[in-house]
Amino acid sequence: MVDAHRSVTHNGRKSTLNDVMGFDHVIVIGEGGTVADAQGIYAPELHDGEVSPGWTLLNGYSGQDRYSGPIMHASEFIGGGMADDILSTPGVYVALVDYAGDDSESDGWAVAKLTETAGVERS
């Protein structure tokens, strides 16, 4: 099991996973919890809880009362069980702001994991 409270090394600097995963910053988690920038993959869009095809939202990490869906409150962060699971499961991840359908304001945020590469926008 990975210690979710330990520092991660990213670009030669120690930081927390929450600090590394700024919104729309796509990262790759390697074996043993290594963290690197994803090359050539754009962040997907997230509107009204729906993410672009090829991505899946991580679910069940919110501490909101009587809610266990993927959208996190602005006061929550990537740590604890969420960070532990991300660091122990290799893959491509990104934190995203969830915008209302009219793009007027944020409804919260979520973390998405790349699940299939077909149709994913690349640079």
PDB file of N, CA and C in Angstrom:
ATOM      1  N   MET A   1       0.846  -1.183   0.000  1.00  0.00           N
ATOM      2  CA  MET A   1       0.000   0.000   0.000  1.00  0.00           C
ATOM      3  C   MET A   1       0.888   1.241   0.000  1.00  0.00           C
ATOM      4  N   VAL A   2       0.514   2.222  -0.783  1.00  0.00           N
ATOM      5  CA  VAL A   2       1.244   3.472  -0.880  1.00  0.00           C
ATOM      6  C   VAL A   2       0.808   4.395   0.248  1.00  0.00           C
ATOM      7  N   ASP A   3       1.742   5.118   0.851  1.00  0.00           N
ATOM      8  CA  ASP A   3       1.429   6.086   1.892  1.00  0.00           C
ATOM      9  C   ASP A   3       0.943   7.362   1.209  1.00  0.00           C
ATOM     10  N   ALA A   4      -0.346   7.661   1.339  1.00  0.00           N
ATOM     11  CA  ALA A   4      -0.948   8.798   0.647  1.00  0.00           C
ATOM     12  C   ALA A   4      -0.473  10.140   1.196  1.00  0.00           C
ATOM     13  N   HIS A   5       0.147  10.135   2.355  1.00  0.00           N
ATOM     14  CA  HIS A   5       0.577  11.390   2.967  1.00  0.00           C
ATOM     15  C   HIS A   5       2.039  11.707   2.663  1.00  0.00           C
ATOM     16  N   ARG A   6       2.727  10.811   1.989  1.00  0.00           N
ATOM     17  CA  ARG A   6       4.124  11.069   1.668  1.00  0.00           C
ATOM     18  C   ARG A   6       4.223  12.027   0.500  1.00  0.00           C
ATOM     19  N   SER A   7       5.366  12.610   0.379  1.00  0.00           N
ATOM     20  CA  SER A   7       5.613  13.496  -0.760  1.00  0.00           C
ATOM     21  C   SER A   7       5.823  12.670  -2.014  1.00  0.00           C
ATOM     22  N   VAL A   8       5.465  13.244  -3.145  1.00  0.00           N
ATOM     23  CA  VAL A   8       5.771  12.651  -4.433  1.00  0.00           C
ATOM     24  C   VAL A   8       6.818  13.536  -5.087  1.00  0.00           C
ATOM     25  N   THR A   9       7.602  12.948  -5.974  1.00  0.00           N
ATOM     26  CA  THR A   9       8.601  13.728  -6.692  1.00  0.00           C
ATOM     27  C   THR A   9       8.096  13.950  -8.103  1.00  0.00           C
ATOM     28  N   HIS A  10       8.066  15.220  -8.492  1.00  0.00           N
ATOM     29  CA  HIS A  10       7.590  15.593  -9.818  1.00  0.00           C
ATOM     30  C   HIS A  10       8.502  16.689 -10.350  1.00  0.00           C
ATOM     31  N   ASN A  11       9.087  16.452 -11.504  1.00  0.00           N
ATOM     32  CA  ASN A  11      10.038  17.407 -12.099  1.00  0.00           C
ATOM     33  C   ASN A  11      11.169  17.755 -11.138  1.00  0.00           C
ATOM     34  N   GLY A  12      11.624  16.750 -10.397  1.00  0.00           N
ATOM     35  CA  GLY A  12      12.767  16.936  -9.507  1.00  0.00           C
ATOM     36  C   GLY A  12      12.452  17.615  -8.189  1.00  0.00           C
ATOM     37  N   ARG A  13      11.178  17.941  -7.933  1.00  0.00           N
ATOM     38  CA  ARG A  13      10.801  18.601  -6.681  1.00  0.00           C
ATOM     39  C   ARG A  13       9.815  17.748  -5.906  1.00  0.00           C
ATOM     40  N   LYS A  14       9.939  17.773  -4.592  1.00  0.00           N
ATOM     41  CA  LYS A  14       8.984  17.060  -3.744  1.00  0.00           C
ATOM     42  C   LYS A  14       7.752  17.919  -3.546  1.00  0.00           C
ATOM     43  N   SER A  15       6.605  17.289  -3.604  1.00  0.00           N
ATOM     44  CA  SER A  15       5.343  17.985  -3.474  1.00  0.00           C
ATOM     45  C   SER A  15       4.282  16.983  -3.052  1.00  0.00           C
ATOM     46  N   THR A  16       3.058  17.440  -2.836  1.00  0.00           N
ATOM     47  CA  THR A  16       1.953  16.520  -2.592  1.00  0.00           C
ATOM     48  C   THR A  16       1.264  16.233  -3.927  1.00  0.00           C
ATOM     49  N   LEU A  17       0.537  15.141  -3.989  1.00  0.00           N
ATOM     50  CA  LEU A  17      -0.187  14.807  -5.211  1.00  0.00           C
ATOM     51  C   LEU A  17      -1.209  15.909  -5.523  1.00  0.00           C
ATOM     52  N   ASN A  18      -1.834  16.465  -4.499  1.00  0.00           N
ATOM     53  CA  ASN A  18      -2.790  17.552  -4.689  1.00  0.00           C
ATOM     54  C   ASN A  18      -2.139  18.744  -5.389  1.00  0.00           C
ATOM     55  N   ASP A  19      -0.920  19.084  -4.996  1.00  0.00           N
ATOM     56  CA  ASP A  19      -0.221  20.206  -5.627  1.00  0.00           C
ATOM     57  C   ASP A  19       0.177  19.897  -7.068  1.00  0.00           C
ATOM     58  N   VAL A  20       0.574  18.667  -7.332  1.00  0.00           N
ATOM     59  CA  VAL A  20       0.992  18.274  -8.686  1.00  0.00           C
ATOM     60  C   VAL A  20      -0.200  18.255  -9.639  1.00  0.00           C
ATOM     61  N   MET A  21      -1.355  17.814  -9.144  1.00  0.00           N
ATOM     62  CA  MET A  21      -2.525  17.654 -10.001  1.00  0.00           C
ATOM     63  C   MET A  21      -3.349  18.936 -10.077  1.00  0.00           C
ATOM     64  N   GLY A  22      -2.753  20.005 -10.581  1.00  0.00           N
ATOM     65  CA  GLY A  22      -3.520  21.220 -10.835  1.00  0.00           C
ATOM     66  C   GLY A  22      -4.570  20.932 -11.897  1.00  0.00           C
ATOM     67  N   PHE A  23      -5.626  21.721 -11.919  1.00  0.00           N
ATOM     68  CA  PHE A  23      -6.694  21.487 -12.891  1.00  0.00           C
ATOM     69  C   PHE A  23      -6.153  21.469 -14.319  1.00  0.00           C
ATOM     70  N   ASP A  24      -6.599  20.473 -15.074  1.00  0.00           N
ATOM     71  CA  ASP A  24      -6.252  20.257 -16.488  1.00  0.00           C
ATOM     72  C   ASP A  24      -4.801  19.838 -16.721  1.00  0.00           C
ATOM     73  N   HIS A  25      -4.069  19.510 -15.665  1.00  0.00           N
ATOM     74  CA  HIS A  25      -2.686  19.023 -15.790  1.00  0.00           C
ATOM     75  C   HIS A  25      -2.715  17.492 -15.810  1.00  0.00           C
ATOM     76  N   VAL A  26      -2.584  16.918 -16.986  1.00  0.00           N
ATOM     77  CA  VAL A  26      -2.664  15.468 -17.162  1.00  0.00           C
ATOM     78  C   VAL A  26      -1.346  14.833 -16.715  1.00  0.00           C
ATOM     79  N   ILE A  27      -1.459  13.832 -15.829  1.00  0.00           N
ATOM     80  CA  ILE A  27      -0.267  13.151 -15.307  1.00  0.00           C
ATOM     81  C   ILE A  27      -0.347  11.656 -15.544  1.00  0.00           C
ATOM     82  N   VAL A  28       0.822  11.015 -15.470  1.00  0.00           N
ATOM     83  CA  VAL A  28       0.922   9.566 -15.576  1.00  0.00           C
ATOM     84  C   VAL A  28       1.446   9.042 -14.245  1.00  0.00           C
ATOM     85  N   ILE A  29       0.756   8.058 -13.693  1.00  0.00           N
ATOM     86  CA  ILE A  29       1.225   7.367 -12.496  1.00  0.00           C
ATOM     87  C   ILE A  29       1.814   6.043 -12.965  1.00  0.00           C
ATOM     88  N   GLY A  30       3.086   5.833 -12.641  1.00  0.00           N
ATOM     89  CA  GLY A  30       3.766   4.607 -13.026  1.00  0.00           C
ATOM     90  C   GLY A  30       3.779   3.599 -11.889  1.00  0.00           C
ATOM     91  N   GLU A  31       4.395   2.464 -12.146  1.00  0.00           N
ATOM     92  CA  GLU A  31       4.544   1.437 -11.112  1.00  0.00           C
ATOM     93  C   GLU A  31       5.245   2.043  -9.894  1.00  0.00           C
ATOM     94  N   GLY A  32       4.800   1.697  -8.718  1.00  0.00           N
ATOM     95  CA  GLY A  32       5.418   2.195  -7.498  1.00  0.00           C
ATOM     96  C   GLY A  32       5.047   3.630  -7.172  1.00  0.00           C
ATOM     97  N   GLY A  33       4.068   4.203  -7.887  1.00  0.00           N
ATOM     98  CA  GLY A  33       3.600   5.536  -7.581  1.00  0.00           C
ATOM     99  C   GLY A  33       4.426   6.665  -8.152  1.00  0.00           C
ATOM    100  N   THR A  34       5.229   6.385  -9.183  1.00  0.00           N
ATOM    101  CA  THR A  34       5.994   7.472  -9.803  1.00  0.00           C
ATOM    102  C   THR A  34       5.030   8.415 -10.520  1.00  0.00           C
ATOM    103  N   VAL A  35       5.375   9.700 -10.559  1.00  0.00           N
ATOM    104  CA  VAL A  35       4.517  10.725 -11.153  1.00  0.00           C
ATOM    105  C   VAL A  35       5.274  11.437 -12.273  1.00  0.00           C
ATOM    106  N   ALA A  36       4.647  11.530 -13.446  1.00  0.00           N
ATOM    107  CA  ALA A  36       5.256  12.228 -14.581  1.00  0.00           C
ATOM    108  C   ALA A  36       4.169  12.976 -15.348  1.00  0.00           C
ATOM    109  N   ASP A  37       4.576  13.988 -16.093  1.00  0.00           N
ATOM    110  CA  ASP A  37       3.640  14.690 -16.965  1.00  0.00           C
ATOM    111  C   ASP A  37       3.267  13.778 -18.123  1.00  0.00           C
ATOM    112  N   ALA A  38       1.992  13.773 -18.484  1.00  0.00           N
ATOM    113  CA  ALA A  38       1.551  13.010 -19.654  1.00  0.00           C
ATOM    114  C   ALA A  38       1.924  13.811 -20.900  1.00  0.00           C
ATOM    115  N   GLN A  39       2.482  13.158 -21.858  1.00  0.00           N
ATOM    116  CA  GLN A  39       2.897  13.813 -23.096  1.00  0.00           C
ATOM    117  C   GLN A  39       1.861  13.551 -24.180  1.00  0.00           C
ATOM    118  N   GLY A  40       1.396  14.610 -24.825  1.00  0.00           N
ATOM    119  CA  GLY A  40       0.538  14.469 -25.988  1.00  0.00           C
ATOM    120  C   GLY A  40      -0.915  14.141 -25.711  1.00  0.00           C
ATOM    121  N   ILE A  41      -1.386  14.312 -24.473  1.00  0.00           N
ATOM    122  CA  ILE A  41      -2.791  14.038 -24.159  1.00  0.00           C
ATOM    123  C   ILE A  41      -3.398  15.297 -23.557  1.00  0.00           C
ATOM    124  N   TYR A  42      -4.468  15.773 -24.164  1.00  0.00           N
ATOM    125  CA  TYR A  42      -5.174  16.942 -23.644  1.00  0.00           C
ATOM    126  C   TYR A  42      -6.129  16.532 -22.522  1.00  0.00           C
ATOM    127  N   ALA A  43      -6.387  17.456 -21.613  1.00  0.00           N
ATOM    128  CA  ALA A  43      -7.390  17.225 -20.576  1.00  0.00           C
ATOM    129  C   ALA A  43      -8.770  17.166 -21.232  1.00  0.00           C
ATOM    130  N   PRO A  44      -9.620  16.260 -20.759  1.00  0.00           N
ATOM    131  CA  PRO A  44     -10.982  16.196 -21.297  1.00  0.00           C
ATOM    132  C   PRO A  44     -11.830  17.339 -20.734  1.00  0.00           C
ATOM    133  N   GLU A  45     -13.046  17.441 -21.219  1.00  0.00           N
ATOM    134  CA  GLU A  45     -13.991  18.426 -20.695  1.00  0.00           C
ATOM    135  C   GLU A  45     -14.909  17.748 -19.690  1.00  0.00           C
ATOM    136  N   LEU A  46     -15.375  18.545 -18.710  1.00  0.00           N
ATOM    137  CA  LEU A  46     -16.311  18.059 -17.707  1.00  0.00           C
ATOM    138  C   LEU A  46     -17.405  19.109 -17.543  1.00  0.00           C
ATOM    139  N   HIS A  47     -18.620  18.735 -17.950  1.00  0.00           N
ATOM    140  CA  HIS A  47     -19.770  19.637 -17.855  1.00  0.00           C
ATOM    141  C   HIS A  47     -20.925  18.883 -17.218  1.00  0.00           C
ATOM    142  N   ASP A  48     -21.493  19.469 -16.175  1.00  0.00           N
ATOM    143  CA  ASP A  48     -22.644  18.873 -15.486  1.00  0.00           C
ATOM    144  C   ASP A  48     -22.410  17.407 -15.112  1.00  0.00           C
ATOM    145  N   GLY A  49     -21.195  17.103 -14.675  1.00  0.00           N
ATOM    146  CA  GLY A  49     -20.881  15.745 -14.217  1.00  0.00           C
ATOM    147  C   GLY A  49     -20.601  14.745 -15.319  1.00  0.00           C
ATOM    148  N   GLU A  50     -20.594  15.183 -16.565  1.00  0.00           N
ATOM    149  CA  GLU A  50     -20.331  14.300 -17.702  1.00  0.00           C
ATOM    150  C   GLU A  50     -18.956  14.604 -18.279  1.00  0.00           C
ATOM    151  N   VAL A  51     -18.106  13.585 -18.371  1.00  0.00           N
ATOM    152  CA  VAL A  51     -16.742  13.762 -18.872  1.00  0.00           C
ATOM    153  C   VAL A  51     -16.653  13.274 -20.319  1.00  0.00           C
ATOM    154  N   SER A  52     -15.691  13.800 -21.049  1.00  0.00           N
ATOM    155  CA  SER A  52     -15.473  13.429 -22.452  1.00  0.00           C
ATOM    156  C   SER A  52     -15.274  11.917 -22.601  1.00  0.00           C
ATOM    157  N   PRO A  53     -15.629  11.366 -23.769  1.00  0.00           N
ATOM    158  CA  PRO A  53     -15.447   9.934 -24.019  1.00  0.00           C
ATOM    159  C   PRO A  53     -13.984   9.504 -23.822  1.00  0.00           C
ATOM    160  N   GLY A  54     -13.804   8.289 -23.331  1.00  0.00           N
ATOM    161  CA  GLY A  54     -12.480   7.734 -23.099  1.00  0.00           C
ATOM    162  C   GLY A  54     -11.978   7.933 -21.676  1.00  0.00           C
ATOM    163  N   TRP A  55     -12.712   8.711 -20.874  1.00  0.00           N
ATOM    164  CA  TRP A  55     -12.325   9.010 -19.500  1.00  0.00           C
ATOM    165  C   TRP A  55     -13.438   8.569 -18.550  1.00  0.00           C
ATOM    166  N   THR A  56     -13.051   8.192 -17.332  1.00  0.00           N
ATOM    167  CA  THR A  56     -13.998   7.814 -16.283  1.00  0.00           C
ATOM    168  C   THR A  56     -13.692   8.624 -15.040  1.00  0.00           C
ATOM    169  N   LEU A  57     -14.727   9.134 -14.382  1.00  0.00           N
ATOM    170  CA  LEU A  57     -14.537   9.896 -13.155  1.00  0.00           C
ATOM    171  C   LEU A  57     -14.361   8.958 -11.970  1.00  0.00           C
ATOM    172  N   LEU A  58     -13.408   9.282 -11.098  1.00  0.00           N
ATOM    173  CA  LEU A  58     -13.232   8.517  -9.862  1.00  0.00           C
ATOM    174  C   LEU A  58     -14.427   8.819  -8.968  1.00  0.00           C
ATOM    175  N   ASN A  59     -14.919   7.808  -8.309  1.00  0.00           N
ATOM    176  CA  ASN A  59     -16.172   7.916  -7.578  1.00  0.00           C
ATOM    177  C   ASN A  59     -16.011   7.464  -6.131  1.00  0.00           C
ATOM    178  N   GLY A  60     -16.750   8.098  -5.228  1.00  0.00           N
ATOM    179  CA  GLY A  60     -16.828   7.632  -3.852  1.00  0.00           C
ATOM    180  C   GLY A  60     -15.832   8.247  -2.883  1.00  0.00           C
ATOM    181  N   TYR A  61     -15.169   9.319  -3.247  1.00  0.00           N
ATOM    182  CA  TYR A  61     -14.147   9.906  -2.382  1.00  0.00           C
ATOM    183  C   TYR A  61     -14.592  11.185  -1.678  1.00  0.00           C
ATOM    184  N   SER A  62     -15.736  11.718  -2.040  1.00  0.00           N
ATOM    185  CA  SER A  62     -16.194  12.964  -1.439  1.00  0.00           C
ATOM    186  C   SER A  62     -16.595  12.746   0.019  1.00  0.00           C
ATOM    187  N   GLY A  63     -16.290  13.718   0.843  1.00  0.00           N
ATOM    188  CA  GLY A  63     -16.695  13.684   2.245  1.00  0.00           C
ATOM    189  C   GLY A  63     -17.994  14.425   2.486  1.00  0.00           C
ATOM    190  N   GLN A  64     -18.687  14.793   1.412  1.00  0.00           N
ATOM    191  CA  GLN A  64     -19.941  15.525   1.557  1.00  0.00           C
ATOM    192  C   GLN A  64     -21.002  14.633   2.195  1.00  0.00           C
ATOM    193  N   ASP A  65     -21.814  15.217   3.041  1.00  0.00           N
ATOM    194  CA  ASP A  65     -22.856  14.503   3.767  1.00  0.00           C
ATOM    195  C   ASP A  65     -23.852  13.845   2.808  1.00  0.00           C
ATOM    196  N   ARG A  66     -24.031  12.535   2.957  1.00  0.00           N
ATOM    197  CA  ARG A  66     -24.971  11.740   2.170  1.00  0.00           C
ATOM    198  C   ARG A  66     -24.718  11.809   0.658  1.00  0.00           C
ATOM    199  N   TYR A  67     -23.457  11.957   0.257  1.00  0.00           N
ATOM    200  CA  TYR A  67     -23.112  11.999  -1.161  1.00  0.00           C
ATOM    201  C   TYR A  67     -21.830  11.222  -1.375  1.00  0.00           C
ATOM    202  N   SER A  68     -21.820  10.345  -2.355  1.00  0.00           N
ATOM    203  CA  SER A  68     -20.597   9.584  -2.645  1.00  0.00           C
ATOM    204  C   SER A  68     -20.284   9.583  -4.142  1.00  0.00           C
ATOM    205  N   GLY A  69     -20.799  10.571  -4.863  1.00  0.00           N
ATOM    206  CA  GLY A  69     -20.560  10.652  -6.302  1.00  0.00           C
ATOM    207  C   GLY A  69     -19.188  11.210  -6.626  1.00  0.00           C
ATOM    208  N   PRO A  70     -18.920  11.446  -7.900  1.00  0.00           N
ATOM    209  CA  PRO A  70     -17.585  11.856  -8.333  1.00  0.00           C
ATOM    210  C   PRO A  70     -17.268  13.340  -8.156  1.00  0.00           C
ATOM    211  N   ILE A  71     -18.276  14.201  -8.034  1.00  0.00           N
ATOM    212  CA  ILE A  71     -18.024  15.643  -7.968  1.00  0.00           C
ATOM    213  C   ILE A  71     -17.670  16.039  -6.538  1.00  0.00           C
ATOM    214  N   MET A  72     -16.502  16.633  -6.399  1.00  0.00           N
ATOM    215  CA  MET A  72     -15.981  17.039  -5.097  1.00  0.00           C
ATOM    216  C   MET A  72     -16.332  18.500  -4.832  1.00  0.00           C
ATOM    217  N   HIS A  73     -16.503  18.831  -3.567  1.00  0.00           N
ATOM    218  CA  HIS A  73     -16.745  20.222  -3.169  1.00  0.00           C
ATOM    219  C   HIS A  73     -15.433  20.987  -3.272  1.00  0.00           C
ATOM    220  N   ALA A  74     -15.514  22.297  -3.484  1.00  0.00           N
ATOM    221  CA  ALA A  74     -14.316  23.130  -3.628  1.00  0.00           C
ATOM    222  C   ALA A  74     -13.383  23.042  -2.422  1.00  0.00           C
ATOM    223  N   SER A  75     -13.913  22.711  -1.243  1.00  0.00           N
ATOM    224  CA  SER A  75     -13.084  22.631  -0.035  1.00  0.00           C
ATOM    225  C   SER A  75     -12.327  21.308   0.077  1.00  0.00           C
ATOM    226  N   GLU A  76     -12.637  20.332  -0.777  1.00  0.00           N
ATOM    227  CA  GLU A  76     -11.975  19.032  -0.715  1.00  0.00           C
ATOM    228  C   GLU A  76     -10.698  19.044  -1.551  1.00  0.00           C
ATOM    229  N   PHE A  77      -9.844  18.049  -1.323  1.00  0.00           N
ATOM    230  CA  PHE A  77      -8.559  17.995  -2.011  1.00  0.00           C
ATOM    231  C   PHE A  77      -8.190  16.558  -2.341  1.00  0.00           C
ATOM    232  N   ILE A  78      -7.142  16.398  -3.151  1.00  0.00           N
ATOM    233  CA  ILE A  78      -6.651  15.068  -3.529  1.00  0.00           C
ATOM    234  C   ILE A  78      -5.696  14.604  -2.429  1.00  0.00           C
ATOM    235  N   GLY A  79      -6.182  13.763  -1.582  1.00  0.00           N
ATOM    236  CA  GLY A  79      -5.413  13.242  -0.453  1.00  0.00           C
ATOM    237  C   GLY A  79      -6.101  12.007   0.087  1.00  0.00           C
ATOM    238  N   GLY A  80      -5.630  11.499   1.190  1.00  0.00           N
ATOM    239  CA  GLY A  80      -6.253  10.339   1.838  1.00  0.00           C
ATOM    240  C   GLY A  80      -6.424   9.156   0.904  1.00  0.00           C
ATOM    241  N   GLY A  81      -7.620   8.563   0.945  1.00  0.00           N
ATOM    242  CA  GLY A  81      -7.908   7.378   0.148  1.00  0.00           C
ATOM    243  C   GLY A  81      -7.822   7.615  -1.346  1.00  0.00           C
ATOM    244  N   MET A  82      -8.228   8.810  -1.789  1.00  0.00           N
ATOM    245  CA  MET A  82      -8.142   9.106  -3.220  1.00  0.00           C
ATOM    246  C   MET A  82      -6.691   9.108  -3.680  1.00  0.00           C
ATOM    247  N   ALA A  83      -5.826   9.814  -2.955  1.00  0.00           N
ATOM    248  CA  ALA A  83      -4.402   9.852  -3.326  1.00  0.00           C
ATOM    249  C   ALA A  83      -3.799   8.458  -3.250  1.00  0.00           C
ATOM    250  N   ASP A  84      -4.152   7.697  -2.221  1.00  0.00           N
ATOM    251  CA  ASP A  84      -3.638   6.336  -2.065  1.00  0.00           C
ATOM    252  C   ASP A  84      -4.006   5.492  -3.284  1.00  0.00           C
ATOM    253  N   ASP A  85      -5.263   5.556  -3.694  1.00  0.00           N
ATOM    254  CA  ASP A  85      -5.712   4.757  -4.835  1.00  0.00           C
ATOM    255  C   ASP A  85      -5.069   5.216  -6.145  1.00  0.00           C
ATOM    256  N   ILE A  86      -4.942   6.517  -6.343  1.00  0.00           N
ATOM    257  CA  ILE A  86      -4.294   7.015  -7.560  1.00  0.00           C
ATOM    258  C   ILE A  86      -2.841   6.550  -7.617  1.00  0.00           C
ATOM    259  N   LEU A  87      -2.120   6.733  -6.516  1.00  0.00           N
ATOM    260  CA  LEU A  87      -0.691   6.383  -6.501  1.00  0.00           C
ATOM    261  C   LEU A  87      -0.431   4.884  -6.591  1.00  0.00           C
ATOM    262  N   SER A  88      -1.413   4.079  -6.225  1.00  0.00           N
ATOM    263  CA  SER A  88      -1.208   2.628  -6.274  1.00  0.00           C
ATOM    264  C   SER A  88      -1.806   1.987  -7.530  1.00  0.00           C
ATOM    265  N   THR A  89      -2.391   2.794  -8.417  1.00  0.00           N
ATOM    266  CA  THR A  89      -3.001   2.273  -9.641  1.00  0.00           C
ATOM    267  C   THR A  89      -2.428   3.012 -10.840  1.00  0.00           C
ATOM    268  N   PRO A  90      -1.437   2.426 -11.518  1.00  0.00           N
ATOM    269  CA  PRO A  90      -0.840   3.099 -12.681  1.00  0.00           C
ATOM    270  C   PRO A  90      -1.884   3.492 -13.719  1.00  0.00           C
ATOM    271  N   GLY A  91      -1.670   4.647 -14.335  1.00  0.00           N
ATOM    272  CA  GLY A  91      -2.592   5.118 -15.356  1.00  0.00           C
ATOM    273  C   GLY A  91      -2.409   6.598 -15.608  1.00  0.00           C
ATOM    274  N   VAL A  92      -3.310   7.162 -16.401  1.00  0.00           N
ATOM    275  CA  VAL A  92      -3.288   8.576 -16.764  1.00  0.00           C
ATOM    276  C   VAL A  92      -4.459   9.247 -16.058  1.00  0.00           C
ATOM    277  N   TYR A  93      -4.166  10.324 -15.316  1.00  0.00           N
ATOM    278  CA  TYR A  93      -5.165  10.999 -14.491  1.00  0.00           C
ATOM    279  C   TYR A  93      -5.133  12.503 -14.714  1.00  0.00           C
ATOM    280  N   VAL A  94      -6.265  13.161 -14.395  1.00  0.00           N
ATOM    281  CA  VAL A  94      -6.346  14.617 -14.470  1.00  0.00           C
ATOM    282  C   VAL A  94      -7.437  15.105 -13.526  1.00  0.00           C
ATOM    283  N   ALA A  95      -7.197  16.236 -12.863  1.00  0.00           N
ATOM    284  CA  ALA A  95      -8.222  16.914 -12.074  1.00  0.00           C
ATOM    285  C   ALA A  95      -8.906  17.928 -12.971  1.00  0.00           C
ATOM    286  N   LEU A  96     -10.237  17.981 -12.884  1.00  0.00           N
ATOM    287  CA  LEU A  96     -11.024  18.834 -13.778  1.00  0.00           C
ATOM    288  C   LEU A  96     -12.047  19.653 -13.005  1.00  0.00           C
ATOM    289  N   VAL A  97     -12.295  20.851 -13.471  1.00  0.00           N
ATOM    290  CA  VAL A  97     -13.385  21.659 -12.935  1.00  0.00           C
ATOM    291  C   VAL A  97     -14.665  21.228 -13.648  1.00  0.00           C
ATOM    292  N   ASP A  98     -15.733  21.042 -12.867  1.00  0.00           N
ATOM    293  CA  ASP A  98     -17.032  20.687 -13.435  1.00  0.00           C
ATOM    294  C   ASP A  98     -17.838  21.965 -13.624  1.00  0.00           C
ATOM    295  N   TYR A  99     -18.073  22.326 -14.868  1.00  0.00           N
ATOM    296  CA  TYR A  99     -18.806  23.549 -15.176  1.00  0.00           C
ATOM    297  C   TYR A  99     -20.270  23.246 -15.442  1.00  0.00           C
ATOM    298  N   ALA A 100     -21.115  24.197 -15.040  1.00  0.00           N
ATOM    299  CA  ALA A 100     -22.537  24.109 -15.366  1.00  0.00           C
ATOM    300  C   ALA A 100     -22.687  24.162 -16.878  1.00  0.00           C
ATOM    301  N   GLY A 101     -23.797  23.707 -17.387  1.00  0.00           N
ATOM    302  CA  GLY A 101     -24.024  23.649 -18.830  1.00  0.00           C
ATOM    303  C   GLY A 101     -23.810  24.955 -19.555  1.00  0.00           C
ATOM    304  N   ASP A 102     -24.029  26.092 -18.880  1.00  0.00           N
ATOM    305  CA  ASP A 102     -23.845  27.380 -19.539  1.00  0.00           C
ATOM    306  C   ASP A 102     -22.460  27.978 -19.288  1.00  0.00           C
ATOM    307  N   ASP A 103     -21.541  27.200 -18.690  1.00  0.00           N
ATOM    308  CA  ASP A 103     -20.167  27.620 -18.404  1.00  0.00           C
ATOM    309  C   ASP A 103     -20.077  28.838 -17.488  1.00  0.00           C
ATOM    310  N   SER A 104     -21.158  29.150 -16.781  1.00  0.00           N
ATOM    311  CA  SER A 104     -21.166  30.358 -15.966  1.00  0.00           C
ATOM    312  C   SER A 104     -20.401  30.208 -14.661  1.00  0.00           C
ATOM    313  N   GLU A 105     -20.487  29.059 -14.045  1.00  0.00           N
ATOM    314  CA  GLU A 105     -19.772  28.867 -12.789  1.00  0.00           C
ATOM    315  C   GLU A 105     -19.483  27.391 -12.570  1.00  0.00           C
ATOM    316  N   SER A 106     -18.586  27.142 -11.643  1.00  0.00           N
ATOM    317  CA  SER A 106     -18.173  25.779 -11.344  1.00  0.00           C
ATOM    318  C   SER A 106     -19.191  25.089 -10.443  1.00  0.00           C
ATOM    319  N   ASP A 107     -19.419  23.812 -10.715  1.00  0.00           N
ATOM    320  CA  ASP A 107     -20.264  22.990  -9.852  1.00  0.00           C
ATOM    321  C   ASP A 107     -19.424  22.163  -8.891  1.00  0.00           C
ATOM    322  N   GLY A 108     -18.101  22.300  -8.936  1.00  0.00           N
ATOM    323  CA  GLY A 108     -17.182  21.498  -8.134  1.00  0.00           C
ATOM    324  C   GLY A 108     -16.057  21.011  -9.017  1.00  0.00           C
ATOM    325  N   TRP A 109     -15.464  19.903  -8.646  1.00  0.00           N
ATOM    326  CA  TRP A 109     -14.366  19.354  -9.440  1.00  0.00           C
ATOM    327  C   TRP A 109     -14.354  17.844  -9.283  1.00  0.00           C
ATOM    328  N   ALA A 110     -13.563  17.179 -10.124  1.00  0.00           N
ATOM    329  CA  ALA A 110     -13.461  15.716 -10.088  1.00  0.00           C
ATOM    330  C   ALA A 110     -12.102  15.301 -10.642  1.00  0.00           C
ATOM    331  N   VAL A 111     -11.749  14.050 -10.397  1.00  0.00           N
ATOM    332  CA  VAL A 111     -10.558  13.459 -11.003  1.00  0.00           C
ATOM    333  C   VAL A 111     -11.021  12.415 -12.011  1.00  0.00           C
ATOM    334  N   ALA A 112     -10.447  12.473 -13.208  1.00  0.00           N
ATOM    335  CA  ALA A 112     -10.770  11.516 -14.267  1.00  0.00           C
ATOM    336  C   ALA A 112      -9.557  10.645 -14.552  1.00  0.00           C
ATOM    337  N   LYS A 113      -9.840   9.400 -14.924  1.00  0.00           N
ATOM    338  CA  LYS A 113      -8.789   8.460 -15.335  1.00  0.00           C
ATOM    339  C   LYS A 113      -9.059   8.070 -16.784  1.00  0.00           C
ATOM    340  N   LEU A 114      -8.001   8.055 -17.580  1.00  0.00           N
ATOM    341  CA  LEU A 114      -8.096   7.625 -18.972  1.00  0.00           C
ATOM    342  C   LEU A 114      -8.381   6.120 -18.986  1.00  0.00           C
ATOM    343  N   THR A 115      -9.468   5.725 -19.650  1.00  0.00           N
ATOM    344  CA  THR A 115      -9.846   4.310 -19.684  1.00  0.00           C
ATOM    345  C   THR A 115      -9.722   3.695 -21.069  1.00  0.00           C
ATOM    346  N   GLU A 116      -9.764   4.525 -22.102  1.00  0.00           N
ATOM    347  CA  GLU A 116      -9.572   4.032 -23.465  1.00  0.00           C
ATOM    348  C   GLU A 116      -8.994   5.157 -24.296  1.00  0.00           C
ATOM    349  N   THR A 117      -8.123   4.823 -25.186  1.00  0.00           N
ATOM    350  CA  THR A 117      -7.432   5.857 -25.948  1.00  0.00           C
ATOM    351  C   THR A 117      -8.112   6.229 -27.250  1.00  0.00           C
ATOM    352  N   ALA A 118      -9.054   5.403 -27.737  1.00  0.00           N
ATOM    353  CA  ALA A 118      -9.746   5.721 -28.980  1.00  0.00           C
ATOM    354  C   ALA A 118     -10.587   6.968 -28.771  1.00  0.00           C
ATOM    355  N   GLY A 119     -10.420   7.954 -29.615  1.00  0.00           N
ATOM    356  CA  GLY A 119     -11.202   9.173 -29.546  1.00  0.00           C
ATOM    357  C   GLY A 119     -10.679  10.226 -28.576  1.00  0.00           C
ATOM    358  N   VAL A 120      -9.580   9.942 -27.892  1.00  0.00           N
ATOM    359  CA  VAL A 120      -9.011  10.906 -26.944  1.00  0.00           C
ATOM    360  C   VAL A 120      -8.221  11.940 -27.711  1.00  0.00           C
ATOM    361  N   GLU A 121      -8.441  13.201 -27.364  1.00  0.00           N
ATOM    362  CA  GLU A 121      -7.766  14.291 -28.068  1.00  0.00           C
ATOM    363  C   GLU A 121      -6.301  14.338 -27.684  1.00  0.00           C
ATOM    364  N   ARG A 122      -5.431  14.338 -28.683  1.00  0.00           N
ATOM    365  CA  ARG A 122      -3.990  14.365 -28.476  1.00  0.00           C
ATOM    366  C   ARG A 122      -3.396  15.598 -29.115  1.00  0.00           C
ATOM    367  N   SER A 123      -2.252  16.024 -28.545  1.00  0.00           N
ATOM    368  CA  SER A 123      -1.592  17.208 -29.115  1.00  0.00           C
ATOM    369  C   SER A 123      -0.677  16.817 -30.255  1.00  0.00           C
TER     370      SER A 123
END
